[in-house]
């Protein structure tokens, strides 16, 4: 059997998401499983080099995960340009998980070096910039992709299955609830659990630019194209504590509420907040109501209720509710093992790079998420519905 190496420059993976989901649970996991087996004659094997600004952060990651995967540390360097130029070996793919505001510069460097490009979302904070980067890569003829991980979560995969099986009949509405309480760091013995830059718009933070990028690809690929939206945002908590201990003024929205009207007339609503306390099945729940049945999906589990099993409540506030509404739902079985969502998309992208297999999650698809976020901000400012046009 032939093993084909795919060199990957992994830039900016010292952050929480980059370390956990991309370095550990994706690339290292793929190496540990013996690569990506294509057939009896071919296996694709990732070979990463870690790049970033801080040698003191890169070195322990390279040692921990490299030794775990291959028995020796991964190579690493703070010389990103040198890695792109081949100074440390030949690499096929450039992956970026750095800050949003730094992404354009790294993508431009990778384009000049002629690398296939894969990166985290959002690709920019403005639609025009996201489109510019997408066209820059496309015009250079380079394979490219943006992380759209939630499409491979078990919950959304099961929703797609139910839709394809016709379980819902005609879908009438979709309602999503997302978020949890993110501590400000100002309360005694309650440290914040998310980076402070998320709450500063000047650093690329904000709920809309963060989560509307997710909601765009989820809605487009599971339910249908978005054609119109109305949104409202809020900065609910005015001050938070920085990692250096100082207190700063929050300038970004930490809650966002939106209605998305789809091309076929379906209404989709998403409430997103870092200032809400959870009393639901999961941190993200999505309810889909249709003429023949409904489903409520979390990140992994989905519960369904068909038309035949739907109870007939009677409004009577003078007596205790006689119906336990949770009992009328059935759990969708887990008939297969669901792998990590980030890892699945990594495998598909690497197959696209090495074998030219079909791929649809390009930088231009990522630009659509930035567009939805920017239009959400516009709707909030103008207090009006706005049209979602096609990107070109």
Protein backbone atom coordinates (compact mmCIF):
# COMPACT_ATOMS: atom_id res chain seq x y z
CA UNK A 1 0.00 0.00 0.00
CA UNK A 2 1.24 3.47 -0.90
CA UNK A 3 1.25 6.19 1.79
CA UNK A 4 1.02 9.69 0.35
CA UNK A 5 2.29 12.47 2.61
CA UNK A 6 0.37 15.75 2.81
CA UNK A 7 2.37 18.50 4.47
CA UNK A 8 0.28 21.00 6.45
CA UNK A 9 1.42 24.34 7.87
CA UNK A 10 -0.83 24.81 10.92
CA UNK A 11 -0.77 28.48 11.84
CA UNK A 12 -2.23 29.95 15.01
CA UNK A 13 -3.25 26.67 16.65
CA UNK A 14 -2.17 27.75 20.14
CA UNK A 15 -5.68 29.04 20.88
CA UNK A 16 -8.37 26.92 22.51
CA UNK A 17 -10.15 25.94 19.29
CA UNK A 18 -6.98 25.52 17.26
CA UNK A 19 -5.38 23.26 19.85
CA UNK A 20 -8.36 21.15 20.82
CA UNK A 21 -10.34 20.74 17.63
CA UNK A 22 -7.77 21.10 14.87
CA UNK A 23 -4.43 19.98 16.26
CA UNK A 24 -5.56 17.37 18.78
CA UNK A 25 -8.91 15.96 17.66
CA UNK A 26 -8.36 16.32 13.92
CA UNK A 27 -4.79 16.14 12.57
CA UNK A 28 -3.24 14.24 15.48
CA UNK A 29 -6.24 11.90 15.57
CA UNK A 30 -5.93 11.23 11.83
CA UNK A 31 -2.24 10.37 12.20
CA UNK A 32 -2.96 8.09 15.17
CA UNK A 33 -5.63 6.21 13.24
CA UNK A 34 -3.09 5.46 10.53
CA UNK A 35 -4.00 8.25 8.12
CA UNK A 36 -6.94 8.54 5.74
CA UNK A 37 -7.41 5.19 4.05
CA UNK A 38 -8.63 5.79 0.49
CA UNK A 39 -8.59 2.19 -0.69
CA UNK A 40 -6.43 -0.93 -0.45
CA UNK A 41 -3.69 0.79 -2.42
CA UNK A 42 -3.55 4.32 -0.98
CA UNK A 43 -3.46 6.09 2.39
CA UNK A 44 -3.12 9.85 2.89
CA UNK A 45 -0.94 10.83 5.85
CA UNK A 46 -0.88 14.38 7.28
CA UNK A 47 2.52 15.77 8.25
CA UNK A 48 2.13 19.06 10.17
CA UNK A 49 4.46 21.88 11.10
CA UNK A 50 3.18 24.30 13.75
CA UNK A 51 3.63 28.03 13.24
CA UNK A 52 2.73 31.07 15.31
CA UNK A 53 4.07 34.05 17.22
CA UNK A 54 5.13 32.39 20.46
CA UNK A 55 7.81 29.71 20.62
CA UNK A 56 6.96 29.14 24.29
CA UNK A 57 3.42 28.16 23.31
CA UNK A 58 4.32 26.19 20.18
CA UNK A 59 7.01 24.02 21.74
CA UNK A 60 4.89 22.22 24.39
CA UNK A 61 2.11 21.59 21.84
CA UNK A 62 4.62 20.21 19.32
CA UNK A 63 6.08 17.94 21.95
CA UNK A 64 2.81 16.73 23.48
CA UNK A 65 0.88 15.98 20.33
CA UNK A 66 3.81 15.07 18.10
CA UNK A 67 5.13 12.45 20.52
CA UNK A 68 1.60 11.17 21.04
CA UNK A 69 1.08 10.73 17.29
CA UNK A 70 4.49 9.80 15.89
CA UNK A 71 6.83 9.27 18.81
CA UNK A 72 8.70 12.52 18.19
CA UNK A 73 7.78 16.22 18.43
CA UNK A 74 6.12 17.97 15.52
CA UNK A 75 8.36 20.56 13.88
CA UNK A 76 7.50 24.15 14.77
CA UNK A 77 8.67 27.67 13.99
CA UNK A 78 7.75 31.31 14.46
CA UNK A 79 8.99 31.93 10.90
CA UNK A 80 5.69 31.63 9.00
CA UNK A 81 7.16 33.06 5.81
CA UNK A 82 10.04 30.60 5.96
CA UNK A 83 7.61 27.70 6.32
CA UNK A 84 5.67 28.95 3.28
CA UNK A 85 8.90 29.37 1.30
CA UNK A 86 9.97 25.77 1.94
CA UNK A 87 12.76 26.60 4.35
CA UNK A 88 11.68 23.77 6.68
CA UNK A 89 10.50 21.28 4.08
CA UNK A 90 7.77 20.98 1.47
CA UNK A 91 4.19 21.61 2.61
CA UNK A 92 1.05 21.43 0.48
CA UNK A 93 -1.58 23.09 2.68
CA UNK A 94 -1.66 26.27 4.72
CA UNK A 95 -4.17 26.26 7.57
CA UNK A 96 -4.95 29.39 9.57
CA UNK A 97 -6.67 29.60 12.95
CA UNK A 98 -5.23 32.96 13.98
CA UNK A 99 -7.33 36.02 14.82
CA UNK A 100 -9.87 37.20 12.27
CA UNK A 101 -8.14 40.53 11.76
CA UNK A 102 -4.85 38.80 10.93
CA UNK A 103 -6.35 36.26 8.51
CA UNK A 104 -6.14 38.34 5.32
CA UNK A 105 -2.39 38.84 5.64
CA UNK A 106 -1.75 35.14 6.12
CA UNK A 107 -4.03 34.15 3.24
CA UNK A 108 -2.22 36.60 0.95
CA UNK A 109 1.12 35.08 1.98
CA UNK A 110 -0.17 31.57 1.29
CA UNK A 111 -1.51 32.61 -2.12
CA UNK A 112 1.88 34.00 -3.08
CA UNK A 113 3.45 30.72 -1.99
CA UNK A 114 0.94 28.73 -4.06
CA UNK A 115 -0.45 26.67 -1.19
CA UNK A 116 -3.89 25.12 -0.87
CA UNK A 117 -5.65 27.16 1.83
CA UNK A 118 -7.95 26.05 4.64
CA UNK A 119 -8.95 28.41 7.45
CA UNK A 120 -11.25 29.09 10.34
CA UNK A 121 -14.28 31.33 10.04
CA UNK A 122 -14.98 34.18 9.78
CA UNK A 123 -12.55 34.95 6.99
CA UNK A 124 -13.03 38.72 7.57
CA UNK A 125 -15.31 41.14 9.39
CA UNK A 126 -16.62 42.80 6.21
CA UNK A 127 -18.22 41.16 3.17
CA UNK A 128 -16.14 43.06 0.62
CA UNK A 129 -12.92 41.85 2.23
CA UNK A 130 -14.16 38.26 2.52
CA UNK A 131 -15.13 38.29 -1.18
CA UNK A 132 -11.79 39.84 -2.13
CA UNK A 133 -9.89 37.06 -0.39
CA UNK A 134 -12.10 34.38 -1.95
CA UNK A 135 -11.52 35.78 -5.44
CA UNK A 136 -7.79 36.18 -4.77
CA UNK A 137 -7.52 32.47 -4.02
CA UNK A 138 -9.83 31.42 -6.85
CA UNK A 139 -7.99 33.57 -9.41
CA UNK A 140 -4.74 31.91 -8.32
CA UNK A 141 -6.30 28.52 -9.06
CA UNK A 142 -5.72 27.26 -5.51
CA UNK A 143 -7.88 24.76 -3.69
CA UNK A 144 -9.43 26.35 -0.65
CA UNK A 145 -11.87 25.82 2.17
CA UNK A 146 -13.42 27.31 5.29
CA UNK A 147 -14.28 25.41 8.47
CA UNK A 148 -18.05 24.79 8.62
CA UNK A 149 -17.96 22.19 11.34
CA UNK A 150 -21.54 22.19 12.59
CA UNK A 151 -22.73 20.50 9.39
CA UNK A 152 -21.03 17.31 10.61
CA UNK A 153 -22.44 17.39 14.13
CA UNK A 154 -24.67 14.37 14.83
CA UNK A 155 -27.67 16.61 15.59
CA UNK A 156 -27.64 18.35 12.21
CA UNK A 157 -26.81 15.14 10.34
CA UNK A 158 -29.91 13.55 11.85
CA UNK A 159 -32.03 16.57 10.91
CA UNK A 160 -30.85 16.26 7.32
CA UNK A 161 -31.66 12.56 7.38
CA UNK A 162 -35.18 13.23 8.69
CA UNK A 163 -35.73 15.88 6.03
CA UNK A 164 -34.53 13.59 3.24
CA UNK A 165 -36.80 10.80 4.52
CA UNK A 166 -39.79 13.17 4.36
CA UNK A 167 -40.45 12.95 8.11
CA UNK A 168 -41.39 16.63 8.44
CA UNK A 169 -43.67 16.88 5.43
CA UNK A 170 -43.67 20.57 4.55
CA UNK A 171 -41.34 22.42 6.93
CA UNK A 172 -43.15 25.38 8.45
CA UNK A 173 -40.57 26.91 10.77
CA UNK A 174 -37.18 26.45 12.40
CA UNK A 175 -36.28 27.90 15.81
CA UNK A 176 -32.80 27.87 17.28
CA UNK A 177 -31.68 28.74 20.81
CA UNK A 178 -27.96 29.08 21.37
CA UNK A 179 -25.71 30.27 24.16
CA UNK A 180 -24.91 30.16 27.83
CA UNK A 181 -23.70 32.47 30.58
CA UNK A 182 -20.14 33.64 29.97
CA UNK A 183 -18.79 35.05 33.22
CA UNK A 184 -17.35 38.55 33.08
CA UNK A 185 -14.38 37.80 35.34
CA UNK A 186 -15.60 40.52 37.70
CA UNK A 187 -17.29 38.13 40.15
CA UNK A 188 -15.40 36.56 43.02
CA UNK A 189 -13.99 33.12 42.11
CA UNK A 190 -15.81 33.13 38.76
CA UNK A 191 -13.20 33.44 35.97
CA UNK A 192 -14.34 34.08 32.42
CA UNK A 193 -14.42 30.99 30.19
CA UNK A 194 -14.02 32.73 26.79
CA UNK A 195 -11.27 35.06 25.48
CA UNK A 196 -11.85 38.76 26.16
CA UNK A 197 -11.39 39.81 22.52
CA UNK A 198 -14.80 38.29 21.76
CA UNK A 199 -16.37 41.33 23.46
CA UNK A 200 -14.40 44.04 21.66
CA UNK A 201 -15.56 44.95 18.14
CA UNK A 202 -12.21 46.61 17.39
CA UNK A 203 -10.56 43.19 17.84
CA UNK A 204 -13.04 41.37 15.61
CA UNK A 205 -15.41 40.29 18.38
CA UNK A 206 -19.19 40.20 18.43
CA UNK A 207 -22.02 37.68 18.50
CA UNK A 208 -23.22 38.39 14.96
CA UNK A 209 -19.81 38.09 13.29
CA UNK A 210 -19.18 34.94 15.32
CA UNK A 211 -22.44 33.02 15.13
CA UNK A 212 -24.25 34.35 12.04
CA UNK A 213 -21.39 32.82 10.01
CA UNK A 214 -22.39 29.46 11.50
CA UNK A 215 -26.11 30.01 11.04
CA UNK A 216 -25.59 30.90 7.36
CA UNK A 217 -24.03 27.60 6.35
CA UNK A 218 -26.32 25.57 8.61
CA UNK A 219 -29.45 27.20 7.16
CA UNK A 220 -28.23 27.12 3.55
CA UNK A 221 -27.10 23.50 3.58
CA UNK A 222 -29.79 21.96 5.82
CA UNK A 223 -32.92 24.01 5.15
CA UNK A 224 -32.44 26.25 2.11
CA UNK A 225 -31.09 29.61 0.88
CA UNK A 226 -31.65 32.75 2.99
CA UNK A 227 -33.24 35.64 1.11
CA UNK A 228 -34.20 38.21 3.77
CA UNK A 229 -33.51 38.93 7.44
CA UNK A 230 -34.29 41.21 10.34
CA UNK A 231 -32.00 41.29 13.37
CA UNK A 232 -31.45 43.01 16.69
CA UNK A 233 -28.32 42.95 18.81
CA UNK A 234 -27.36 44.10 22.27
CA UNK A 235 -24.32 44.67 24.45
CA UNK A 236 -25.92 43.34 27.62
CA UNK A 237 -22.90 43.39 29.92
CA UNK A 238 -20.94 46.67 29.66
CA UNK A 239 -17.68 45.63 31.36
CA UNK A 240 -15.55 42.50 31.52
CA UNK A 241 -12.11 41.59 32.80
CA UNK A 242 -9.16 41.21 30.42
CA UNK A 243 -6.72 38.28 30.68
CA UNK A 244 -4.13 40.75 32.05
CA UNK A 245 -6.44 41.58 34.95
CA UNK A 246 -7.63 44.98 33.79
CA UNK A 247 -11.31 45.87 33.33
CA UNK A 248 -12.38 46.96 29.85
CA UNK A 249 -15.50 48.42 28.23
CA UNK A 250 -17.36 45.95 26.03
CA UNK A 251 -17.90 47.32 22.53
CA UNK A 252 -19.29 44.25 20.73
CA UNK A 253 -22.74 42.69 20.79
CA UNK A 254 -22.98 39.74 23.16
CA UNK A 255 -26.57 38.85 22.21
CA UNK A 256 -28.26 38.71 18.82
CA UNK A 257 -31.80 37.86 17.77
CA UNK A 258 -32.74 37.25 14.15
CA UNK A 259 -35.47 36.08 11.79
CA UNK A 260 -34.35 34.66 8.45
CA UNK A 261 -36.86 34.23 5.63
CA UNK A 262 -35.83 31.47 3.24
CA UNK A 263 -36.31 31.29 -0.51
CA UNK A 264 -39.22 28.85 -0.12
CA UNK A 265 -40.96 30.98 2.53
CA UNK A 266 -39.82 29.00 5.59
CA UNK A 267 -39.23 31.16 8.66
CA UNK A 268 -36.03 30.48 10.63
CA UNK A 269 -35.34 32.17 13.97
CA UNK A 270 -32.13 32.11 15.98
CA UNK A 271 -31.56 33.60 19.42
CA UNK A 272 -27.86 33.75 20.31
CA UNK A 273 -26.54 35.00 23.63
CA UNK A 274 -23.56 34.84 25.96
CA UNK A 275 -25.85 36.26 28.66
CA UNK A 276 -28.41 33.48 29.10
CA UNK A 277 -28.72 30.63 31.57
CA UNK A 278 -29.44 27.24 30.06
CA UNK A 279 -32.66 25.34 30.73
CA UNK A 280 -32.91 23.22 27.61
CA UNK A 281 -31.45 19.95 26.34
CA UNK A 282 -28.14 21.40 25.12
CA UNK A 283 -26.15 24.61 24.57
CA UNK A 284 -27.67 24.71 21.09
CA UNK A 285 -31.15 23.39 20.37
CA UNK A 286 -33.00 23.64 17.06
CA UNK A 287 -36.70 22.84 16.72
CA UNK A 288 -38.08 22.03 13.28
CA UNK A 289 -41.88 21.99 12.89
CA UNK A 290 -43.51 20.43 9.85
CA UNK A 291 -46.95 19.32 8.72
CA UNK A 292 -46.18 15.64 9.43
CA UNK A 293 -43.86 15.91 12.40
CA UNK A 294 -41.44 17.91 14.50
CA UNK A 295 -37.91 17.41 15.78
CA UNK A 296 -35.74 19.02 18.46
CA UNK A 297 -32.01 18.66 17.88
CA UNK A 298 -29.13 19.30 20.22
CA UNK A 299 -25.48 19.00 19.28
CA UNK A 300 -25.72 15.21 19.30
CA UNK A 301 -29.19 13.93 20.16
CA UNK A 302 -32.50 14.47 18.33
CA UNK A 303 -36.04 13.86 19.58
CA UNK A 304 -39.03 13.57 17.24
CA UNK A 305 -42.81 13.68 17.47
CA UNK A 306 -44.95 12.60 14.53
CA UNK A 307 -48.38 13.97 13.67
CA UNK A 308 -50.00 10.76 14.99
CA UNK A 309 -48.25 11.16 18.37
CA UNK A 310 -49.03 14.85 18.82
CA UNK A 311 -51.14 15.51 21.95
CA UNK A 312 -54.16 17.80 21.98
CA UNK A 313 -53.66 20.30 24.83
CA UNK A 314 -56.53 22.35 26.22
CA UNK A 315 -55.76 25.81 27.57
CA UNK A 316 -56.77 25.93 31.21
CA UNK A 317 -54.53 28.00 33.51
CA UNK A 318 -56.70 27.18 36.51
CA UNK A 319 -55.42 23.62 36.92
CA UNK A 320 -51.92 22.05 36.88
CA UNK A 321 -50.85 21.03 33.39
CA UNK A 322 -52.02 17.41 33.00
CA UNK A 323 -49.74 16.61 30.07
CA UNK A 324 -46.04 15.90 30.43
CA UNK A 325 -45.01 17.25 27.04
CA UNK A 326 -41.57 15.63 27.17
CA UNK A 327 -43.07 12.12 27.28
CA UNK A 328 -44.53 12.39 23.78
CA UNK A 329 -41.14 12.53 22.04
CA UNK A 330 -38.97 9.65 20.80
CA UNK A 331 -35.19 9.73 20.58
CA UNK A 332 -33.65 9.16 17.16
CA UNK A 333 -31.33 6.16 17.58
CA UNK A 334 -27.59 6.37 17.04
CA UNK A 335 -27.27 3.73 14.33
CA UNK A 336 -23.65 4.63 13.60
CA UNK A 337 -20.57 6.03 15.32
CA UNK A 338 -20.26 9.79 14.76
CA UNK A 339 -16.69 11.03 14.44
CA UNK A 340 -15.51 14.51 15.45
CA UNK A 341 -17.09 17.11 13.15
CA UNK A 342 -13.85 19.07 12.61
CA UNK A 343 -11.96 15.85 11.85
CA UNK A 344 -14.51 14.76 9.23
CA UNK A 345 -14.23 18.07 7.39
CA UNK A 346 -10.43 17.93 7.57
CA UNK A 347 -10.48 14.47 5.99
CA UNK A 348 -12.79 15.64 3.21
CA UNK A 349 -10.63 18.69 2.50
CA UNK A 350 -7.41 16.66 2.38
CA UNK A 351 -9.06 14.20 -0.01
CA UNK A 352 -10.06 17.19 -2.14
CA UNK A 353 -6.47 18.48 -2.16
CA UNK A 354 -4.83 15.12 -2.87
CA UNK A 355 -7.41 13.44 -5.09
CA UNK A 356 -9.46 16.35 -6.47
CA UNK A 357 -12.63 14.95 -4.93
CA UNK A 358 -15.69 17.28 -4.97
CA UNK A 359 -15.71 20.11 -2.42
CA UNK A 360 -18.18 22.92 -1.84
CA UNK A 361 -17.09 24.69 1.37
CA UNK A 362 -14.86 27.31 -0.23
CA UNK A 363 -13.76 30.76 0.91
CA UNK A 364 -16.66 32.15 -1.12
CA UNK A 365 -19.04 30.00 0.96
CA UNK A 366 -17.33 31.47 4.02
CA UNK A 367 -17.92 34.97 2.62
CA UNK A 368 -21.66 34.25 2.68
CA UNK A 369 -21.46 33.93 6.46
CA UNK A 370 -19.68 37.27 6.75
CA UNK A 371 -22.37 38.76 4.50
CA UNK A 372 -25.13 37.50 6.81
CA UNK A 373 -23.36 38.97 9.84
CA UNK A 374 -22.83 42.34 8.15
CA UNK A 375 -26.46 42.46 7.01
CA UNK A 376 -27.52 41.57 10.55
CA UNK A 377 -25.62 44.62 11.82
CA UNK A 378 -27.22 46.72 9.08
CA UNK A 379 -30.71 45.51 10.00
CA UNK A 380 -30.05 46.22 13.68
CA UNK A 381 -28.83 49.74 12.90
CA UNK A 382 -31.68 50.56 10.49
CA UNK A 383 -34.35 48.57 12.41
CA UNK A 384 -35.56 47.10 9.13
CA UNK A 385 -35.73 43.94 7.01
CA UNK A 386 -32.82 43.66 4.55
CA UNK A 387 -32.43 41.55 1.41
CA UNK A 388 -29.68 38.92 1.18
CA UNK A 389 -28.32 39.16 -2.35
CA UNK A 390 -26.09 36.76 -4.25
CA UNK A 391 -22.34 37.22 -3.89
CA UNK A 392 -20.25 37.58 -7.02
